[in-house]
């Protein structure tokens, strides 16, 4: 049985961040399921901090995508680490977090939403995070990551409202993948109750994507199918 029976036959998926753990898992599962997959990655010339590369990749597509999964994100790296106190805020670190976690996905959506077919189900989904929920923030910290993902959630909601008028069968989603055994979460896995492999997370999220309807467009949903409040 296909992983995405709610979609029309001949599915074309664009996976953004296809060289990362979850992105690669999405691509592999969809290819095994018979979908045509276009992989976007920095190594392949698509850099979310370079708008021209996104535009060029979108122009190069030979057929419109039915499914777009933006499986990118940055939490730590050179000059960037989750803040533990207000005093650790850095303008450069915040700019990096927003460039990758917020602006990049928004530019991908700007490029690809107009290309996606009408008259049948299509989905654009971006990996977000539970810590991007303002309502669910009880511990503080991780200022840049939280804020950049909260902004992403708002963009998804805002774009979904417009697309509901332009393309009523389309669904836009923010997806919380759970804590996945990847380079992003590696330093922060201690004490995690449920650590998912990239394939496990991708399978769960594909189920969320398959069951999603336009009534859920604009929501932030976790890997178990539960809506997370903004």
Foldseek 3Di string as FASTA:
>chain_A
DALFPQFDPQAEEEQEQCVFFLNVLLQVNNVVRVHHYHYHYVVVQQDLLDLVSLLVVLVPDPAAHQEYEYEWFAADDVVHHWFPDPVPDDPVNLVVRLSTLPSSLLSNCVSRVVRHDADGEGEYEYEAALLLAPVPDDRDISVSNNVNRVNNLVSQLVVLVVVCVVHVFYAYEYEHLAAEPTPRCVVPCPPRPDYHHSNLSSSLVSNLVSPDTSVCHSFYAYSPGHTRHD
